[in-house]
Every structure is written in structure tokens, then in C-alpha cells.
Amino acid sequence: MPDISPTAVIALIAEHHIVESDGPLTPDSDLFAQGLDSLAMMQLMLHLEREFGVRITPTEMTRNHFATATILARWLSHPNRSAA
């Protein structure tokens, strides 16, 4: 299982312009308040799968899992998640 950091998630979001934030994203920034919507969430999922070799099922794509970079990184790095 890859060790995915909040910083790596933020870098991916910034690199691919997933959200357009007025200020810098922090590990605890609310991604939905920063503009993450369903389309952006799908784009982020595809980049996460490609970059980190994880598989995210449609049922796992919830607001709870994608709330912040910290929560997302912790969830994706959890040992009980299966890799792609």
C-alpha cells in the first residue's frame, strides 16, 4: 500500500488544477469549500489512481473520504484498502 501524504494530494490537486482556490490549500482545507464538485472529484480520482496505483470504487467516492487532503491521504494509505 502506498504511503500517500496530504502534501502529495495537494500537489496533485494544484498540478492538475482540480480546484481554483483563492489562497493556498492546506492539509485541512475543506476541498468542497474550495470548489471540489462531482466532476472535479472524478478528475481527482483518476489522477490519484494513476499517480499512486490505488483503486477507488464509485461507492468509495464520498464527501467524507474527499473532505480534506489529510482525510483523503489517510484513507488512501489505510492498510485495509486494496491497491489497484
N, C-alpha and C. Protein backbone atom coordinates (compact mmCIF):
# COMPACT_ATOMS: atom_id res chain seq x y z
N MET A 1 0.85 -1.18 0.00
CA MET A 1 0.00 0.00 0.00
C MET A 1 0.90 1.24 0.00
N PRO A 2 0.65 2.16 -0.92
CA PRO A 2 1.49 3.36 -0.97
C PRO A 2 1.26 4.26 0.24
N ASP A 3 2.31 4.95 0.64
CA ASP A 3 2.19 5.94 1.72
C ASP A 3 1.93 7.28 1.04
N ILE A 4 0.69 7.73 1.10
CA ILE A 4 0.27 8.95 0.43
C ILE A 4 0.14 10.05 1.47
N SER A 5 0.85 11.14 1.25
CA SER A 5 0.82 12.25 2.21
C SER A 5 -0.19 13.31 1.78
N PRO A 6 -0.69 14.10 2.73
CA PRO A 6 -1.54 15.23 2.38
C PRO A 6 -0.84 16.19 1.41
N THR A 7 0.46 16.38 1.59
CA THR A 7 1.23 17.25 0.71
C THR A 7 1.22 16.73 -0.73
N ALA A 8 1.31 15.42 -0.89
CA ALA A 8 1.27 14.82 -2.23
C ALA A 8 -0.11 15.00 -2.86
N VAL A 9 -1.16 14.89 -2.06
CA VAL A 9 -2.52 15.10 -2.56
C VAL A 9 -2.69 16.56 -3.01
N ILE A 10 -2.22 17.50 -2.20
CA ILE A 10 -2.31 18.92 -2.54
C ILE A 10 -1.53 19.20 -3.82
N ALA A 11 -0.34 18.63 -3.94
CA ALA A 11 0.47 18.84 -5.14
C ALA A 11 -0.26 18.34 -6.38
N LEU A 12 -0.92 17.21 -6.27
CA LEU A 12 -1.67 16.65 -7.39
C LEU A 12 -2.85 17.56 -7.76
N ILE A 13 -3.54 18.05 -6.76
CA ILE A 13 -4.67 18.97 -6.99
C ILE A 13 -4.18 20.23 -7.69
N ALA A 14 -3.07 20.77 -7.24
CA ALA A 14 -2.53 22.00 -7.83
C ALA A 14 -2.01 21.76 -9.24
N GLU A 15 -1.28 20.67 -9.42
CA GLU A 15 -0.68 20.37 -10.72
C GLU A 15 -1.73 20.23 -11.81
N HIS A 16 -2.86 19.63 -11.48
CA HIS A 16 -3.90 19.37 -12.47
C HIS A 16 -5.06 20.37 -12.38
N HIS A 17 -4.90 21.41 -11.57
CA HIS A 17 -5.91 22.48 -11.45
C HIS A 17 -7.30 21.91 -11.15
N ILE A 18 -7.34 21.01 -10.17
CA ILE A 18 -8.60 20.36 -9.79
C ILE A 18 -9.55 21.37 -9.15
N VAL A 19 -9.04 22.23 -8.29
CA VAL A 19 -9.83 23.32 -7.73
C VAL A 19 -9.04 24.61 -7.90
N GLU A 20 -9.75 25.70 -8.02
CA GLU A 20 -9.13 27.02 -8.14
C GLU A 20 -9.38 27.75 -6.82
N SER A 21 -8.41 27.71 -5.95
CA SER A 21 -8.54 28.30 -4.62
C SER A 21 -8.02 29.73 -4.62
N ASP A 22 -8.65 30.59 -3.83
CA ASP A 22 -8.19 31.97 -3.69
C ASP A 22 -6.87 32.04 -2.93
N GLY A 23 -6.68 31.11 -2.02
CA GLY A 23 -5.46 31.08 -1.23
C GLY A 23 -4.82 29.71 -1.34
N PRO A 24 -3.72 29.52 -0.63
CA PRO A 24 -3.05 28.22 -0.69
C PRO A 24 -3.89 27.15 0.00
N LEU A 25 -3.87 25.95 -0.58
CA LEU A 25 -4.53 24.81 0.05
C LEU A 25 -3.65 24.31 1.19
N THR A 26 -4.26 23.96 2.28
CA THR A 26 -3.55 23.36 3.40
C THR A 26 -4.06 21.93 3.56
N PRO A 27 -3.37 21.11 4.33
CA PRO A 27 -3.84 19.74 4.52
C PRO A 27 -5.26 19.66 5.07
N ASP A 28 -5.69 20.69 5.81
CA ASP A 28 -7.02 20.66 6.42
C ASP A 28 -8.03 21.58 5.74
N SER A 29 -7.70 22.11 4.56
CA SER A 29 -8.66 22.92 3.79
C SER A 29 -9.83 22.04 3.37
N ASP A 30 -11.02 22.58 3.51
CA ASP A 30 -12.22 21.88 3.05
C ASP A 30 -12.21 21.93 1.52
N LEU A 31 -12.00 20.78 0.89
CA LEU A 31 -11.87 20.75 -0.57
C LEU A 31 -13.18 21.14 -1.26
N PHE A 32 -14.30 20.84 -0.65
CA PHE A 32 -15.59 21.20 -1.25
C PHE A 32 -15.82 22.71 -1.17
N ALA A 33 -15.39 23.33 -0.08
CA ALA A 33 -15.49 24.78 0.04
C ALA A 33 -14.55 25.47 -0.94
N GLN A 34 -13.49 24.76 -1.36
CA GLN A 34 -12.54 25.31 -2.32
C GLN A 34 -12.96 25.07 -3.77
N GLY A 35 -14.11 24.41 -3.96
CA GLY A 35 -14.63 24.24 -5.32
C GLY A 35 -14.67 22.82 -5.83
N LEU A 36 -14.32 21.84 -5.00
CA LEU A 36 -14.41 20.45 -5.44
C LEU A 36 -15.88 20.09 -5.62
N ASP A 37 -16.24 19.72 -6.85
CA ASP A 37 -17.60 19.27 -7.13
C ASP A 37 -17.51 17.86 -7.71
N SER A 38 -18.62 17.31 -8.17
CA SER A 38 -18.62 15.92 -8.62
C SER A 38 -17.68 15.70 -9.81
N LEU A 39 -17.63 16.63 -10.74
CA LEU A 39 -16.74 16.49 -11.90
C LEU A 39 -15.28 16.57 -11.46
N ALA A 40 -14.96 17.52 -10.60
CA ALA A 40 -13.60 17.66 -10.10
C ALA A 40 -13.21 16.44 -9.26
N MET A 41 -14.16 15.88 -8.53
CA MET A 41 -13.89 14.69 -7.73
C MET A 41 -13.52 13.51 -8.64
N MET A 42 -14.21 13.38 -9.77
CA MET A 42 -13.90 12.32 -10.74
C MET A 42 -12.49 12.53 -11.32
N GLN A 43 -12.17 13.77 -11.66
CA GLN A 43 -10.84 14.07 -12.18
C GLN A 43 -9.77 13.73 -11.15
N LEU A 44 -10.01 14.13 -9.91
CA LEU A 44 -9.06 13.85 -8.83
C LEU A 44 -8.91 12.35 -8.65
N MET A 45 -10.00 11.61 -8.67
CA MET A 45 -9.95 10.16 -8.52
C MET A 45 -9.05 9.55 -9.60
N LEU A 46 -9.22 9.95 -10.86
CA LEU A 46 -8.42 9.41 -11.95
C LEU A 46 -6.94 9.70 -11.75
N HIS A 47 -6.61 10.92 -11.33
CA HIS A 47 -5.21 11.28 -11.09
C HIS A 47 -4.63 10.51 -9.90
N LEU A 48 -5.42 10.34 -8.85
CA LEU A 48 -4.96 9.58 -7.69
C LEU A 48 -4.68 8.13 -8.07
N GLU A 49 -5.58 7.54 -8.84
CA GLU A 49 -5.39 6.14 -9.27
C GLU A 49 -4.12 6.01 -10.11
N ARG A 50 -3.93 6.92 -11.03
CA ARG A 50 -2.77 6.86 -11.92
C ARG A 50 -1.47 7.13 -11.16
N GLU A 51 -1.48 8.14 -10.32
CA GLU A 51 -0.26 8.56 -9.62
C GLU A 51 0.17 7.58 -8.53
N PHE A 52 -0.79 7.06 -7.77
CA PHE A 52 -0.45 6.27 -6.60
C PHE A 52 -0.79 4.79 -6.72
N GLY A 53 -1.36 4.38 -7.84
CA GLY A 53 -1.66 2.95 -8.04
C GLY A 53 -2.75 2.43 -7.12
N VAL A 54 -3.67 3.29 -6.75
CA VAL A 54 -4.80 2.87 -5.91
C VAL A 54 -6.02 2.69 -6.79
N ARG A 55 -6.98 1.97 -6.30
CA ARG A 55 -8.26 1.81 -6.99
C ARG A 55 -9.33 2.38 -6.10
N ILE A 56 -10.15 3.26 -6.65
CA ILE A 56 -11.25 3.88 -5.90
C ILE A 56 -12.54 3.50 -6.60
N THR A 57 -13.40 2.80 -5.87
CA THR A 57 -14.67 2.37 -6.45
C THR A 57 -15.69 3.51 -6.36
N PRO A 58 -16.73 3.46 -7.19
CA PRO A 58 -17.76 4.50 -7.12
C PRO A 58 -18.39 4.64 -5.74
N THR A 59 -18.56 3.53 -5.03
CA THR A 59 -19.17 3.62 -3.70
C THR A 59 -18.25 4.26 -2.68
N GLU A 60 -16.94 4.31 -2.96
CA GLU A 60 -15.99 4.95 -2.04
C GLU A 60 -15.86 6.45 -2.28
N MET A 61 -16.44 6.94 -3.34
CA MET A 61 -16.33 8.36 -3.67
C MET A 61 -17.38 9.15 -2.90
N THR A 62 -17.04 9.44 -1.65
CA THR A 62 -17.96 10.14 -0.77
C THR A 62 -17.34 11.45 -0.29
N ARG A 63 -18.20 12.34 0.16
CA ARG A 63 -17.74 13.60 0.75
C ARG A 63 -16.83 13.34 1.94
N ASN A 64 -17.14 12.31 2.70
CA ASN A 64 -16.32 12.00 3.88
C ASN A 64 -14.89 11.65 3.48
N HIS A 65 -14.70 10.86 2.43
CA HIS A 65 -13.36 10.45 2.01
C HIS A 65 -12.59 11.58 1.34
N PHE A 66 -13.27 12.50 0.67
CA PHE A 66 -12.63 13.56 -0.10
C PHE A 66 -12.72 14.93 0.58
N ALA A 67 -13.03 14.97 1.86
CA ALA A 67 -13.27 16.24 2.57
C ALA A 67 -12.04 17.14 2.61
N THR A 68 -10.89 16.60 2.98
CA THR A 68 -9.64 17.36 3.06
C THR A 68 -8.51 16.50 2.52
N ALA A 69 -7.38 17.11 2.24
CA ALA A 69 -6.21 16.35 1.77
C ALA A 69 -5.74 15.38 2.86
N THR A 70 -5.82 15.78 4.11
CA THR A 70 -5.41 14.90 5.21
C THR A 70 -6.30 13.66 5.29
N ILE A 71 -7.60 13.88 5.25
CA ILE A 71 -8.53 12.75 5.33
C ILE A 71 -8.36 11.83 4.12
N LEU A 72 -8.23 12.42 2.94
CA LEU A 72 -8.08 11.64 1.73
C LEU A 72 -6.79 10.81 1.75
N ALA A 73 -5.69 11.42 2.14
CA ALA A 73 -4.41 10.72 2.20
C ALA A 73 -4.45 9.60 3.24
N ARG A 74 -5.02 9.88 4.39
CA ARG A 74 -5.11 8.87 5.45
C ARG A 74 -5.96 7.69 4.99
N TRP A 75 -7.08 7.98 4.35
CA TRP A 75 -7.97 6.93 3.87
C TRP A 75 -7.29 6.09 2.78
N LEU A 76 -6.65 6.75 1.82
CA LEU A 76 -6.00 6.02 0.73
C LEU A 76 -4.81 5.19 1.21
N SER A 77 -4.15 5.63 2.28
CA SER A 77 -2.99 4.90 2.81
C SER A 77 -3.36 3.82 3.82
N HIS A 78 -4.63 3.73 4.15
CA HIS A 78 -5.06 2.77 5.18
C HIS A 78 -4.72 1.34 4.72
N PRO A 79 -4.15 0.55 5.62
CA PRO A 79 -3.73 -0.81 5.24
C PRO A 79 -4.89 -1.74 4.82
N ASN A 80 -6.11 -1.44 5.20
CA ASN A 80 -7.22 -2.30 4.82
C ASN A 80 -7.78 -1.98 3.44
N ARG A 81 -7.25 -0.95 2.79
CA ARG A 81 -7.68 -0.65 1.42
C ARG A 81 -6.89 -1.54 0.48
N SER A 82 -7.49 -1.92 -0.62
CA SER A 82 -6.78 -2.75 -1.58
C SER A 82 -6.17 -1.87 -2.66
N ALA A 83 -4.98 -2.21 -3.12
CA ALA A 83 -4.32 -1.48 -4.19
C ALA A 83 -4.91 -1.92 -5.53
N ALA A 84 -4.60 -1.16 -6.56
CA ALA A 84 -5.11 -1.49 -7.90
C ALA A 84 -4.48 -2.77 -8.41
